[in-house]
Protein backbone atom coordinates (compact mmCIF):
# COMPACT_ATOMS: atom_id res chain seq x y z
CA MET A 1 -21.33 -26.04 18.18
CA LYS A 2 -23.66 -27.58 15.72
CA PHE A 3 -23.34 -25.47 12.54
CA LEU A 4 -25.08 -27.50 10.54
CA ASP A 5 -28.58 -27.53 12.11
CA MET A 6 -30.34 -25.11 10.65
CA ARG A 7 -32.92 -25.28 13.39
CA LEU A 8 -31.05 -24.30 15.81
CA PHE A 9 -29.05 -21.09 13.74
CA PHE A 10 -32.72 -19.38 13.32
CA GLU A 11 -33.23 -19.85 16.63
CA ASN A 12 -29.65 -18.44 17.60
CA ALA A 13 -29.66 -16.32 15.41
CA LEU A 14 -33.21 -14.59 16.75
CA LYS A 15 -32.05 -15.01 20.13
CA SER A 16 -28.95 -12.69 18.92
CA PHE A 17 -31.42 -10.20 17.63
CA GLN A 18 -32.98 -9.99 20.98
CA ARG A 19 -29.89 -9.82 22.70
CA LEU A 20 -27.74 -7.24 19.48
CA PRO A 21 -30.40 -5.27 18.13
CA PHE A 22 -28.43 -2.68 17.55
CA THR A 23 -25.71 -4.50 15.84
CA ILE A 24 -28.08 -6.47 13.47
CA ILE A 25 -29.72 -3.81 12.86
CA ASP A 26 -26.68 -1.46 11.75
CA SER A 27 -25.46 -4.62 9.82
CA ALA A 28 -28.44 -4.63 7.87
CA LEU A 29 -28.35 -1.00 6.96
CA PHE A 30 -24.89 -0.63 6.03
CA THR A 31 -25.79 -4.05 3.62
CA LEU A 32 -28.65 -2.49 2.13
CA LEU A 33 -26.71 1.06 1.44
CA ALA A 34 -23.66 -0.56 -0.01
CA THR A 35 -25.98 -2.60 -2.11
CA ILE A 36 -27.96 0.52 -3.47
CA MET A 37 -24.79 2.40 -4.43
CA VAL A 38 -23.14 -0.16 -6.49
CA ASP A 39 -23.33 0.76 -9.34
CA THR A 40 -25.94 3.78 -9.27
CA GLY A 41 -25.22 7.54 -9.42
CA LEU A 42 -25.98 7.32 -5.40
CA GLY A 43 -22.69 5.98 -4.74
CA GLN A 44 -21.37 9.39 -5.57
CA LYS A 45 -23.36 11.18 -3.69
CA GLU A 46 -20.54 12.51 -0.65
CA ILE A 47 -23.44 12.16 2.10
CA LEU A 48 -23.92 8.63 1.38
CA GLN A 49 -20.50 7.82 1.32
CA LYS A 50 -20.01 9.32 4.95
CA THR A 51 -23.44 7.08 5.96
CA LEU A 52 -21.89 4.03 4.79
CA MET A 53 -18.27 4.83 6.29
CA ALA A 54 -19.94 5.48 9.53
CA LEU A 55 -22.30 2.32 9.76
CA GLY A 56 -19.28 0.58 8.77
CA LEU A 57 -17.57 1.40 12.29
CA GLY A 58 -21.11 0.75 14.05
CA ILE A 59 -20.98 -2.98 13.61
CA PRO A 60 -17.94 -3.32 15.84
CA LEU A 61 -18.53 -0.78 17.97
CA PHE A 62 -21.99 -1.45 18.48
CA PHE A 63 -21.31 -5.24 19.32
CA SER A 64 -18.67 -3.76 22.13
CA LEU A 65 -21.35 -1.49 23.88
CA GLU A 66 -24.27 -3.94 23.88
CA LEU A 67 -21.36 -6.65 25.58
CA LEU A 68 -20.19 -3.72 28.07
CA ALA A 69 -24.05 -3.30 28.58
CA GLU A 70 -24.30 -6.90 29.17
CA GLY A 71 -21.66 -7.59 31.44
CA ARG A 72 -22.34 -4.78 33.68
CA LYS A 73 -26.11 -4.53 33.52
CA TRP A 74 -26.96 -1.57 31.97
CA ALA A 75 -29.87 -0.32 30.15
CA ARG A 76 -29.84 -1.24 26.16
CA PHE A 77 -31.43 2.66 25.55
CA LYS A 78 -28.33 4.05 26.95
CA ILE A 79 -25.83 2.04 25.05
CA PHE A 80 -28.07 3.15 21.68
CA ILE A 81 -27.48 6.82 22.84
CA LEU A 82 -24.34 6.56 23.07
CA GLY A 83 -23.30 4.38 20.09
CA PHE A 84 -25.46 6.60 18.01
CA LEU A 85 -23.78 10.08 19.41
CA ALA A 86 -20.18 8.27 18.72
CA LEU A 87 -21.10 7.40 15.05
CA LEU A 88 -22.81 11.11 14.66
CA LEU A 89 -19.77 13.17 15.92
CA TYR A 90 -17.41 10.45 13.59
CA TYR A 91 -19.53 11.82 10.60
CA PHE A 92 -19.71 15.39 11.51
CA THR A 93 -16.20 15.08 12.19
CA LEU A 94 -15.31 13.93 8.78
CA GLY A 95 -12.70 15.73 6.50
CA ASP A 96 -12.55 14.96 2.57
CA ILE A 97 -13.65 11.17 2.22
CA TYR A 98 -11.42 11.05 -0.79
CA ARG A 99 -8.60 12.33 1.23
CA GLY A 100 -6.40 9.02 2.80
CA SER A 101 -6.32 10.70 5.65
CA SER A 102 -9.82 9.67 5.81
CA ALA A 103 -9.13 6.29 5.29
CA ILE A 104 -6.78 6.04 7.94
CA ARG A 105 -8.62 7.47 11.16
CA LEU A 106 -11.44 5.12 9.89
CA ALA A 107 -9.45 1.95 9.89
CA VAL A 108 -8.01 2.61 13.05
CA LEU A 109 -11.17 3.48 14.56
CA ILE A 110 -12.66 0.26 13.46
CA ILE A 111 -9.57 -2.00 14.93
CA SER A 112 -10.08 0.27 18.19
CA ALA A 113 -13.91 -0.39 18.44
CA ILE A 114 -12.76 -4.78 17.37
CA LEU A 115 -10.05 -4.20 20.41
CA PHE A 116 -12.67 -3.08 22.40
CA ILE A 117 -14.82 -6.08 22.02
CA SER A 118 -11.86 -8.38 23.37
CA PHE A 119 -12.79 -7.01 26.99
CA SER A 120 -15.87 -4.85 26.91
CA PRO A 121 -17.80 -8.28 28.90
CA PHE A 122 -15.71 -7.98 31.42
CA PRO A 123 -14.99 -6.46 35.16
CA ARG A 124 -11.71 -5.12 35.57
CA ARG A 125 -10.26 -8.07 37.27
CA THR A 126 -11.70 -10.81 35.69
CA PRO A 127 -8.94 -13.53 35.30
CA SER A 128 -7.12 -13.65 32.33
CA ASP A 129 -8.11 -17.69 31.39
CA ILE A 130 -11.75 -16.38 31.62
CA SER A 131 -10.78 -13.79 29.06
CA TRP A 132 -8.07 -15.78 27.02
CA GLN A 133 -10.91 -18.59 26.68
CA PHE A 134 -14.07 -15.76 25.45
CA ASN A 135 -11.73 -14.00 22.51
CA TYR A 136 -10.61 -17.80 21.52
CA ASP A 137 -14.20 -18.76 20.70
CA LEU A 138 -14.86 -15.52 19.32
CA ILE A 139 -11.65 -15.99 16.96
CA ALA A 140 -13.32 -19.58 16.05
CA VAL A 141 -16.67 -18.41 16.01
CA LEU A 142 -15.38 -15.56 13.54
CA SER A 143 -13.49 -18.03 11.23
CA ILE A 144 -16.34 -20.27 10.95
CA ALA A 145 -18.68 -17.22 10.13
CA CYS A 146 -16.36 -16.18 7.13
CA PHE A 147 -15.56 -19.33 5.66
CA SER A 148 -18.98 -20.58 5.66
CA SER A 149 -19.61 -17.03 3.73
CA LEU A 150 -17.03 -17.63 1.27
CA VAL A 151 -18.80 -20.96 0.74
CA ILE A 152 -21.76 -19.43 -0.16
CA PHE A 153 -21.10 -16.88 -2.04
CA ALA A 154 -18.55 -19.26 -3.98
CA GLY A 155 -21.32 -21.45 -4.81
CA ILE A 156 -24.19 -19.03 -5.54
CA SER A 157 -21.37 -17.33 -8.13
CA ALA A 158 -20.90 -20.93 -9.57
CA ALA A 159 -24.81 -21.50 -9.93
CA PHE A 160 -25.26 -17.94 -11.77
CA ALA A 161 -22.03 -18.32 -13.63
CA GLY A 162 -22.93 -21.57 -15.19
CA ILE A 163 -26.59 -19.54 -15.81
CA ASP A 164 -24.63 -17.30 -18.07
CA TYR A 165 -22.76 -19.75 -19.78
CA LEU A 166 -24.84 -22.76 -20.21
CA LEU A 167 -28.37 -20.68 -20.82
CA GLU A 168 -27.05 -17.54 -21.97
CA MET A 169 -28.43 -14.93 -19.72
CA LYS A 170 -26.47 -12.21 -19.03
CA ILE A 171 -25.71 -11.68 -15.38
CA ARG A 172 -23.93 -8.22 -14.88
CA TRP A 173 -21.12 -7.94 -12.74
CA VAL A 174 -23.01 -5.67 -10.34
CA PHE A 175 -24.80 -8.58 -9.38
CA TYR A 176 -21.66 -10.53 -7.97
CA VAL A 177 -20.69 -7.91 -6.50
CA ARG A 178 -23.99 -7.50 -4.35
CA LEU A 179 -23.54 -10.59 -3.92
CA LEU A 180 -20.57 -10.50 -1.92
CA ILE A 181 -22.02 -7.30 0.18
CA ILE A 182 -24.82 -9.29 1.26
CA THR A 183 -22.99 -12.53 1.81
CA PHE A 184 -20.28 -10.99 3.82
CA GLY A 185 -22.19 -7.76 5.52
CA PHE A 186 -25.21 -9.47 6.58
CA LEU A 187 -25.02 -12.82 6.73
CA CYS A 188 -21.38 -12.73 8.11
CA VAL A 189 -22.13 -10.99 10.57
CA LEU A 190 -25.47 -12.68 11.56
CA ILE A 191 -23.89 -15.96 11.35
CA PHE A 192 -20.78 -14.82 13.71
CA LEU A 193 -23.76 -13.52 16.04
CA ALA A 194 -26.00 -16.51 16.18
CA TYR A 195 -22.56 -18.84 17.17
CA ALA A 196 -20.64 -16.29 19.34
CA PRO A 197 -20.25 -16.12 23.15
CA THR A 198 -21.93 -12.87 24.08
CA ASN A 199 -21.16 -12.19 28.32
CA ALA A 200 -18.24 -13.52 30.67
CA GLY A 201 -21.44 -15.51 32.65
CA GLU A 202 -21.60 -17.62 28.86
CA VAL A 203 -17.43 -18.88 29.29
CA LYS A 204 -16.41 -22.05 29.87
CA ILE A 205 -13.00 -22.82 30.50
CA ARG A 206 -12.51 -25.74 27.96
CA LYS A 207 -9.15 -27.70 27.54
CA TYR A 208 -6.53 -26.04 26.34
CA PRO A 209 -5.99 -27.22 22.16
CA ARG A 210 -3.16 -29.88 21.98
CA ARG A 211 -2.73 -28.53 18.13
CA LEU A 212 -2.35 -25.09 19.06
CA GLU A 213 0.34 -25.12 22.10
CA VAL A 214 2.23 -27.50 19.06
CA PHE A 215 1.71 -24.96 16.76
CA THR A 216 2.78 -22.17 18.79
CA LYS A 217 5.99 -24.25 21.17
CA TYR A 218 7.25 -25.97 17.90
CA ILE A 219 6.57 -23.64 15.14
CA LEU A 220 5.95 -20.46 15.83
CA ILE A 221 8.10 -19.81 19.53
CA PRO A 222 11.62 -21.25 17.10
CA LEU A 223 10.44 -18.74 13.91
CA THR A 224 10.05 -16.02 16.62
CA VAL A 225 13.58 -17.11 18.24
CA PHE A 226 15.59 -17.27 14.92
CA TYR A 227 13.69 -14.26 13.82
CA MET A 228 15.28 -12.18 16.89
CA LEU A 229 19.13 -13.65 16.56
CA ILE A 230 19.27 -11.98 13.21
CA LEU A 231 17.89 -8.76 14.47
CA TYR A 232 20.31 -8.72 16.84
CA ALA A 233 23.27 -9.74 14.31
CA TYR A 234 22.08 -6.72 13.11
CA ILE A 235 22.52 -4.62 15.92
CA GLY A 236 25.52 -5.94 16.75
CA LYS A 237 26.84 -4.69 13.01
CA ILE A 238 25.70 -1.18 13.39
CA ILE A 239 27.58 -1.17 16.50
CA ILE A 240 30.59 -2.79 15.70
CA GLU A 241 30.49 -0.04 12.85
CA ALA A 242 29.24 2.70 14.39
CA ASN A 243 26.63 2.88 12.05
CA TRP A 244 23.23 4.60 12.14
CA PRO A 245 20.12 1.79 12.27
CA LYS A 246 18.63 1.12 8.64
CA GLY A 247 15.09 3.13 8.26
CA GLY A 248 13.66 -0.24 6.90
CA VAL A 249 14.60 -2.27 10.01
CA SER A 250 11.64 -0.70 12.20
CA GLY A 251 9.30 -3.09 10.00
CA PHE A 252 11.44 -6.03 10.72
CA ILE A 253 11.75 -5.34 14.42
CA LEU A 254 7.81 -4.72 14.16
CA GLY A 255 6.81 -7.74 12.48
CA PHE A 256 9.31 -9.43 15.22
CA SER A 257 7.64 -8.10 18.37
CA ILE A 258 3.91 -8.28 16.97
CA THR A 259 4.45 -12.36 16.41
CA GLY A 260 5.96 -12.61 19.80
CA ILE A 261 3.90 -11.14 21.72
CA ILE A 262 1.08 -13.48 19.87
CA SER A 263 2.87 -15.81 20.24
CA THR A 264 3.03 -15.70 24.18
CA LEU A 265 -0.99 -15.24 23.92
CA LEU A 266 -1.42 -18.38 22.22
CA ILE A 267 0.67 -19.89 25.04
CA TRP A 268 -1.04 -18.17 28.07
CA PRO A 269 -3.45 -20.74 29.68
CA VAL A 270 -0.41 -23.21 29.55
CA ARG A 271 2.44 -20.87 30.58
CA LYS A 272 2.70 -22.46 34.47
CA SER A 273 2.63 -26.17 32.94
CA PRO A 274 5.03 -28.11 34.47
CA GLU A 275 6.17 -29.35 31.26
CA ASN A 276 6.48 -25.75 29.57
CA ARG A 277 9.55 -24.67 31.60
CA THR A 278 11.24 -23.45 28.48
CA VAL A 279 7.91 -21.44 27.79
CA ARG A 280 8.60 -19.45 30.87
CA ILE A 281 11.67 -18.62 29.83
CA TYR A 282 11.06 -17.61 26.25
CA MET A 283 8.33 -15.15 27.58
CA LYS A 284 10.74 -13.67 30.22
CA ALA A 285 13.17 -13.27 28.25
CA LEU A 286 11.12 -11.85 25.18
CA TYR A 287 9.99 -9.11 27.00
CA TRP A 288 13.81 -8.52 28.14
CA LEU A 289 14.96 -8.66 24.33
CA ILE A 290 11.61 -6.04 22.76
CA LEU A 291 13.24 -3.66 25.12
CA PRO A 292 16.62 -2.34 23.33
CA LEU A 293 14.73 -3.78 20.03
CA SER A 294 12.27 -0.77 20.97
CA ALA A 295 14.87 1.82 20.88
CA VAL A 296 16.54 0.80 17.77
CA MET A 297 13.22 0.62 16.41
CA PHE A 298 13.03 4.51 17.84
CA LEU A 299 16.01 5.35 16.26
CA ALA A 300 15.63 4.00 12.60
CA VAL A 301 12.19 6.19 12.23
CA TRP A 302 13.84 9.17 14.00
CA ARG A 303 16.73 9.29 11.47
CA ARG A 304 13.51 9.50 8.98
CA ILE A 305 11.45 11.77 10.55
CA SER A 306 14.87 14.52 11.38
CA ASP A 307 15.24 14.10 7.37
CA TYR A 308 11.43 13.80 6.11
CA GLY A 309 9.83 15.01 8.89
CA ILE A 310 6.41 12.85 10.13
CA THR A 311 4.19 10.81 8.29
CA GLU A 312 1.17 8.75 9.71
CA SER A 313 3.32 6.05 8.98
CA ARG A 314 5.98 7.13 11.02
CA TYR A 315 4.11 8.66 13.72
CA PHE A 316 2.89 4.71 14.35
CA VAL A 317 6.29 3.39 14.44
CA VAL A 318 6.76 6.38 16.74
CA VAL A 319 4.38 4.82 19.03
CA ALA A 320 4.76 1.46 18.63
CA ALA A 321 8.08 1.29 19.61
CA GLY A 322 6.41 3.30 22.88
CA TRP A 323 4.38 0.91 23.51
CA PHE A 324 6.25 -2.10 22.89
CA ALA A 325 8.92 -0.91 25.69
CA LEU A 326 5.78 0.15 27.65
CA MET A 327 4.37 -3.67 27.53
CA GLY A 328 8.03 -4.97 28.18
CA ILE A 329 8.21 -2.98 31.81
CA TYR A 330 4.48 -3.83 32.44
CA PHE A 331 5.44 -8.02 31.78
CA LEU A 332 8.18 -8.08 33.44
CA PHE A 333 7.66 -6.50 36.35
CA SER A 334 3.83 -6.21 37.20
CA LYS A 335 2.95 -8.46 39.48
CA SER A 336 -0.95 -8.80 38.40
CA LYS A 337 0.63 -9.53 34.72
CA SER A 338 -2.94 -9.65 32.95
CA ILE A 339 -3.09 -10.55 28.92
CA GLN A 340 -5.75 -7.66 29.00
CA ALA A 341 -3.58 -4.86 29.30
CA ILE A 342 -2.34 -6.04 25.69
CA PRO A 343 -6.20 -4.82 24.13
CA VAL A 344 -7.29 -2.04 26.68
CA SER A 345 -3.67 0.05 26.09
CA LEU A 346 -4.00 -0.58 21.56
CA CYS A 347 -7.83 0.25 22.44
CA VAL A 348 -6.79 3.22 24.12
CA ILE A 349 -3.57 4.45 21.55
CA GLY A 350 -5.89 4.00 18.86
CA LEU A 351 -8.69 5.97 20.08
CA LEU A 352 -6.18 8.59 21.03
CA SER A 353 -4.09 8.88 18.33
CA SER A 354 -7.25 8.87 15.33
CA ILE A 355 -8.45 12.17 17.49
CA GLY A 356 -7.08 16.06 18.27
CA PRO A 357 -4.70 17.89 17.72
CA TRP A 358 -1.77 15.20 19.02
CA GLY A 359 -3.30 12.49 16.57
CA ALA A 360 -1.32 10.87 13.46
CA MET A 361 -3.14 12.68 10.81
CA SER A 362 -2.89 15.98 12.84
CA ILE A 363 0.49 15.41 13.39
CA SER A 364 1.55 14.67 10.49
CA GLU A 365 -0.16 17.32 8.06
CA LYS A 366 1.38 20.16 10.12
CA SER A 367 5.25 18.77 10.39
CA GLN A 368 5.00 18.29 6.16
CA ILE A 369 3.43 21.82 6.21
CA GLY A 370 6.14 22.67 8.61
CA ARG A 371 8.86 21.18 5.87
CA LEU A 372 7.46 22.64 3.06
CA GLU A 373 7.64 26.03 4.97
CA ALA A 374 10.90 26.18 5.65
CA ILE A 375 12.12 24.93 1.85
CA LEU A 376 10.16 27.74 0.32
CA LYS A 377 11.29 30.75 2.39
CA LYS A 378 15.03 28.99 1.88
CA ASN A 379 14.46 29.79 -1.93
CA ASN A 380 12.52 33.37 -1.62
CA LEU A 381 9.16 31.63 -2.54
CA LEU A 382 7.76 32.43 0.44
CA LEU A 383 7.53 36.05 2.13
CA ASP A 384 5.72 37.40 4.67
CA GLY A 385 3.02 34.59 4.83
CA ARG A 386 2.61 34.59 0.80
CA ILE A 387 3.53 33.03 -1.97
CA GLN A 388 5.82 34.31 -4.37
CA PRO A 389 6.52 32.82 -7.70
CA ALA A 390 9.86 31.75 -8.66
CA GLY A 391 11.45 33.85 -11.07
CA ARG A 392 14.51 31.97 -11.35
CA ILE A 393 15.67 28.01 -11.44
CA ILE A 394 15.69 26.39 -8.21
CA GLN A 395 18.04 23.27 -7.26
CA GLU A 396 16.21 20.11 -9.01
CA LYS A 397 16.24 19.07 -4.76
CA ASP A 398 14.37 21.21 -3.36
CA GLU A 399 12.26 21.39 -6.58
CA VAL A 400 11.78 17.69 -5.68
CA GLU A 401 11.13 18.02 -2.00
CA ILE A 402 8.78 20.46 -2.64
CA SER A 403 7.08 18.20 -5.04
CA ARG A 404 6.72 15.10 -3.22
CA ILE A 405 5.68 17.22 0.12
CA LEU A 406 2.67 18.79 -1.64
CA ARG A 407 1.88 15.26 -3.78
CA TYR A 408 1.51 13.65 0.05
CA LEU A 409 -0.24 17.01 1.15
CA ASP A 410 -2.90 16.55 -2.00
CA ASP A 411 -3.15 12.67 -1.48
CA VAL A 412 -3.74 12.43 2.55
CA HIS A 413 -5.33 15.70 3.61
CA GLY A 414 -6.14 18.14 0.78
CA LEU A 415 -4.09 21.64 -0.05
CA LYS A 416 -6.82 23.42 2.66
CA GLY A 417 -3.52 24.48 5.03
CA ILE A 418 -1.44 26.47 2.55
CA GLU A 419 -4.36 27.85 0.77
CA ARG A 420 -3.74 31.05 3.17
CA TRP A 421 -0.22 31.34 1.41
CA PHE A 422 -2.46 32.30 -1.30
CA SER A 423 -4.62 35.96 -2.40
CA SER A 424 -8.08 35.06 -2.29
CA ASN A 425 -8.67 35.13 -6.13
CA VAL A 426 -5.62 32.52 -6.48
CA GLN A 427 -6.92 29.85 -4.24
CA ALA A 428 -9.62 29.00 -6.82
CA LYS A 429 -7.08 27.19 -8.70
CA LEU A 430 -5.09 25.33 -5.68
CA LYS A 431 -6.68 22.12 -7.33
CA ASP A 432 -3.80 19.03 -6.72
CA THR A 433 0.08 19.69 -7.21
CA LYS A 434 0.33 19.98 -10.61
CA SER A 435 -1.30 23.42 -10.37
CA ALA A 436 0.13 24.04 -6.98
CA ALA A 437 3.52 24.01 -8.56
CA LEU A 438 2.47 26.07 -11.39
CA LEU A 439 0.79 28.81 -8.63
CA LEU A 440 4.35 28.29 -7.32
CA GLY A 441 6.34 28.80 -9.87
CA ILE A 442 7.92 25.28 -10.36
CA GLU A 443 7.69 21.94 -11.78
CA TYR A 444 6.25 18.93 -10.66
CA ASN A 445 8.71 16.87 -10.50
CA PRO A 446 8.26 14.44 -7.80
CA ASN A 447 10.40 11.14 -9.45
CA PRO A 448 13.31 13.01 -11.07
CA TYR A 449 14.22 9.18 -12.32
CA SER A 450 10.51 7.66 -12.72
CA SER A 451 7.73 9.79 -13.77
CA ASN A 452 9.98 12.93 -15.27
CA LEU A 453 10.99 10.42 -17.84
CA LYS A 454 9.14 10.26 -20.78
CA HIS A 455 9.10 7.19 -22.74
CA PHE A 456 8.52 7.05 -26.41
CA PHE A 457 8.54 3.81 -29.25
CA PHE A 458 8.50 4.32 -32.69
CA SER A 459 8.06 1.48 -34.88
CA ALA A 460 8.04 1.64 -39.24
CA ASP A 461 4.37 1.69 -40.80
CA SER A 462 5.01 -2.13 -41.87
CA ARG A 463 1.79 -1.17 -44.64
CA LEU A 464 4.14 0.98 -46.10
CA PRO A 465 6.99 -0.09 -48.97
CA VAL A 466 10.87 0.12 -48.35
CA LYS A 467 11.34 2.11 -51.66
CA LEU A 468 14.90 1.32 -53.56
CA THR A 469 16.40 0.80 -56.61
CA GLY A 470 19.07 -1.26 -57.87
CA ASP A 471 20.96 -4.20 -56.28
CA TYR A 472 21.35 -4.59 -52.73
CA LEU A 473 22.65 -6.80 -50.03
CA PHE A 474 19.72 -6.82 -47.05
CA ILE A 475 20.88 -7.40 -42.97
CA GLY A 476 18.05 -7.57 -40.86
CA MET A 477 18.79 -6.58 -36.99
CA GLY A 478 16.85 -7.19 -34.32
CA ALA A 479 16.04 -4.53 -31.37
CA ASN A 480 17.36 -6.00 -28.16
CA GLU A 481 20.44 -7.46 -30.42
CA LEU A 482 22.20 -4.29 -30.94
CA ARG A 483 22.01 -2.85 -27.29
CA ALA A 484 21.98 -6.35 -25.32
CA GLY A 485 24.17 -8.88 -27.05
CA PRO A 486 26.94 -8.51 -28.48
CA PRO A 487 28.40 -6.72 -31.73
CA ARG A 488 26.76 -7.76 -35.11
CA GLN A 489 29.22 -8.95 -37.40
CA VAL A 490 28.85 -8.62 -41.05
CA LEU A 491 31.52 -9.76 -43.54
CA ILE A 492 31.24 -7.92 -47.58
CA ASN A 493 33.64 -8.25 -49.81
CA ASN A 494 36.34 -10.58 -47.20
CA ARG A 495 36.05 -7.03 -44.36
CA THR A 496 34.37 -7.58 -41.09
CA TYR A 497 31.96 -5.34 -40.17
CA LEU A 498 30.62 -4.99 -36.55
CA PHE A 499 27.31 -3.23 -35.72
CA CYS A 500 26.65 -1.89 -31.98
CA LEU A 501 24.38 0.81 -30.23
CA SER A 502 27.15 3.07 -27.45
CA GLY A 503 24.99 5.60 -26.16
CA ASN A 504 23.29 7.14 -28.71
CA GLU A 505 25.35 6.54 -31.55
CA LEU A 506 24.99 3.69 -33.71
CA VAL A 507 28.77 2.81 -34.57
CA ILE A 508 30.19 0.93 -37.54
CA SER A 509 33.55 -0.42 -37.00
CA ARG A 510 36.57 -2.69 -38.47
CA GLU A 511 39.94 -4.33 -37.32
CA GLY A 512 39.27 -2.49 -34.12
CA LYS A 513 38.76 1.16 -35.39
CA ALA A 514 35.68 3.70 -35.86
CA VAL A 515 35.11 3.94 -39.07
CA LYS A 516 31.53 5.44 -38.84
CA LYS A 517 29.84 6.97 -35.52
CA ILE A 518 25.71 7.84 -36.69
CA ASN A 519 24.13 10.22 -33.66
CA LEU A 520 20.40 8.98 -33.75
CA ALA A 521 19.13 11.75 -31.05
CA PRO A 522 18.39 14.37 -33.63
CA LEU A 523 16.32 11.79 -35.86
CA VAL A 524 14.28 11.06 -32.74
CA GLU A 525 14.18 14.40 -31.62
CA ASN A 526 12.81 15.39 -35.01
CA LEU A 527 10.08 12.28 -34.87
CA LEU A 528 9.04 13.59 -31.12
CA GLU A 529 8.74 16.76 -32.87
CA LYS A 530 6.80 15.94 -35.61
CA TYR A 531 4.62 13.50 -34.68
CA LYS A 532 4.01 14.78 -31.15
CA SER A 533 3.36 10.82 -30.09
CA GLU A 534 4.81 9.01 -27.81
CA LEU A 535 3.98 5.80 -29.80
CA ALA A 536 3.49 6.31 -33.53
CA GLN A 537 4.31 4.50 -36.57
CA ILE A 538 6.61 5.85 -38.38
CA PRO A 539 6.29 5.97 -42.99
CA PRO A 540 10.02 4.56 -43.97
CA GLU A 541 11.30 7.14 -45.23
CA ASP A 542 11.09 9.53 -41.96
CA LEU A 543 13.49 6.77 -40.61
CA LEU A 544 15.57 6.35 -43.57
CA ILE A 545 19.79 6.89 -42.95
CA GLU A 546 21.64 7.06 -45.83
CA GLU A 547 25.44 6.87 -45.43
CA LYS A 548 28.49 6.28 -47.16
CA ILE A 549 31.16 3.90 -45.22
CA GLU A 550 34.40 3.41 -47.19
CA ASP A 551 33.21 2.63 -50.95
CA LEU A 552 30.38 1.14 -49.57
CA ASP A 553 26.95 2.90 -49.90
CA MET A 554 24.41 2.01 -47.25
CA LYS A 555 20.83 2.48 -47.03
CA ILE A 556 19.22 1.97 -42.81
CA TYR A 557 15.95 2.28 -42.49
CA LEU A 558 15.45 1.75 -38.77
CA ASN A 559 12.07 -0.35 -37.74
CA GLU A 560 12.01 0.21 -33.86
CA ILE A 561 13.19 2.66 -31.85
CA GLU A 562 12.61 2.68 -28.47
CA ALA A 563 13.74 5.90 -26.38
CA TYR A 564 13.42 7.73 -22.48
CA LYS A 565 13.55 11.79 -22.58
CA ASP A 566 14.14 13.81 -19.85
CA LYS A 567 15.59 17.02 -18.86
CA LYS A 568 19.43 16.12 -20.38
CA GLY A 569 17.59 14.73 -23.06
CA ILE A 570 17.46 11.48 -25.15
CA MET A 571 18.27 8.08 -24.63
CA LEU A 572 18.09 5.84 -26.90
CA ASN A 573 17.30 1.95 -25.01
CA SER A 574 16.67 0.03 -28.04
CA LEU A 575 17.17 -0.25 -32.00
CA GLY A 576 16.10 -2.31 -34.50
CA MET A 577 17.18 -1.46 -38.15
CA ALA A 578 17.38 -3.45 -41.99
CA VAL A 579 20.41 -2.39 -44.04
CA PHE A 580 20.72 -2.25 -47.36
CA ILE A 581 23.95 -2.63 -48.65
CA SER A 582 25.46 -1.38 -52.48
CA VAL A 583 28.59 -3.18 -52.81
CA PRO A 584 30.44 -3.58 -56.47
CA GLU A 585 31.22 -7.12 -55.97
CA GLN A 586 28.28 -9.02 -53.36
CA LYS A 587 31.14 -11.70 -51.90
CA ARG A 588 29.17 -11.41 -48.25
CA GLY A 589 28.63 -13.77 -45.67
CA GLU A 590 28.07 -13.19 -42.07
């Protein structure tokens, strides 16, 4: 492939437009609309945002359909109608595009369309080696197209940055965003299509890349085996201890299984070579070992589902566990063992999981609404299908769970699913999670140990003087010194005093006994009430504490206070202060 031959590039680009016009037109429309919407009022129009999402899905969809048409000699017009209707259906079934469910659905559909590309040009019984070579060439060309586009974008951006800096011609950020969209939204697609193989007839089986074989055999496969040993050691541990698998183990099994399957795909063409006997053993053992791991993965996520219901991530983990088990059985017992089974099955699963009442979004929303309904009924907040605002304090555990479910629904699906519980005149007030919690008569409290914890920082206003009369001994103590370090020692009249912060108390001790404990929480509460701010500079007189300790008169100016507040009250984190001591005889030291 002569990627540096510009004449050949333009010839190939023209040919690709003649063969794949709908993909290129869709890419051009996507790029044009995206560049127009950047930094303009049009970017806020929902109809254009939905159109942009449909056009983004259209790029891999039209490419896969045009490959399908070429492979089966179908009329091009039929493919356009099929693709256009599919995008039109997607557009009109889009829900609230500002919710996470729309993004998840789009991502799953794009992945499914990309998977469709990998097998759409081939008849049903195409040899696996031809399919492997075709997809290898696609990935190679895509890598070069992306790298070329990156170099072009970086080069042009650097040139205009130089113009901006050296010639003082102000270039706004929107120029670079639009350049990024044009480079990767259209130019990258054009480079890819200009050199990509488009049908099975163009595929030529070439010698397997030696570098790829070395990478797979001596790096990827050993890492997969090492990963597998760790997972089976964990399985042995939970069997011995008779424990349920941790929920987080699903991610590790998912990573191992994906890595293992990728390694078998990469080494597939040379698996039958005489020198690759160990590879064949590895491939067979891998699918045997995936089966019990799939069961552990399912049990781990089921524990989370039984406690917290189904979400999109848990739904896909369950589907992945079933798919891994299915692939293991297929490659162990099927006579054909075609690698096309992997993208075909994933494509079908992706499509089915993104639509219908059985899809990830529908089942997850129903599961979480069901959990919310059960908790509300338990606390008598939902009676006969109608919300009865709480007239009493409910358990914090239930309050937290209600808040978290409301947050999930608002972020991912919206709150339309629970509108039926409220009267029509109240539904208009159901705007977000906090308003929903208010209508339920509870406090919105999804994270009692973090989001409900308010942070405060007060410091003395250094522009104002500290008012003192008489002679004083000055001792400064840093903000972190009293909390993190050992007690601060001060020698006054041959007596050693220790200063430290214990909880909310400033403790002053001598000879192992506390001679004074000063509770600082009331002072912080007063400051919060007076200044009503989480970050404020305070006049020194409001930070003054005057105490008599034995025969010593002390003025303590708190120059820094860092504290937290929750339902239980004030919690001091750090304290900085200046101590002024009036003593009869100033024999002092530290």
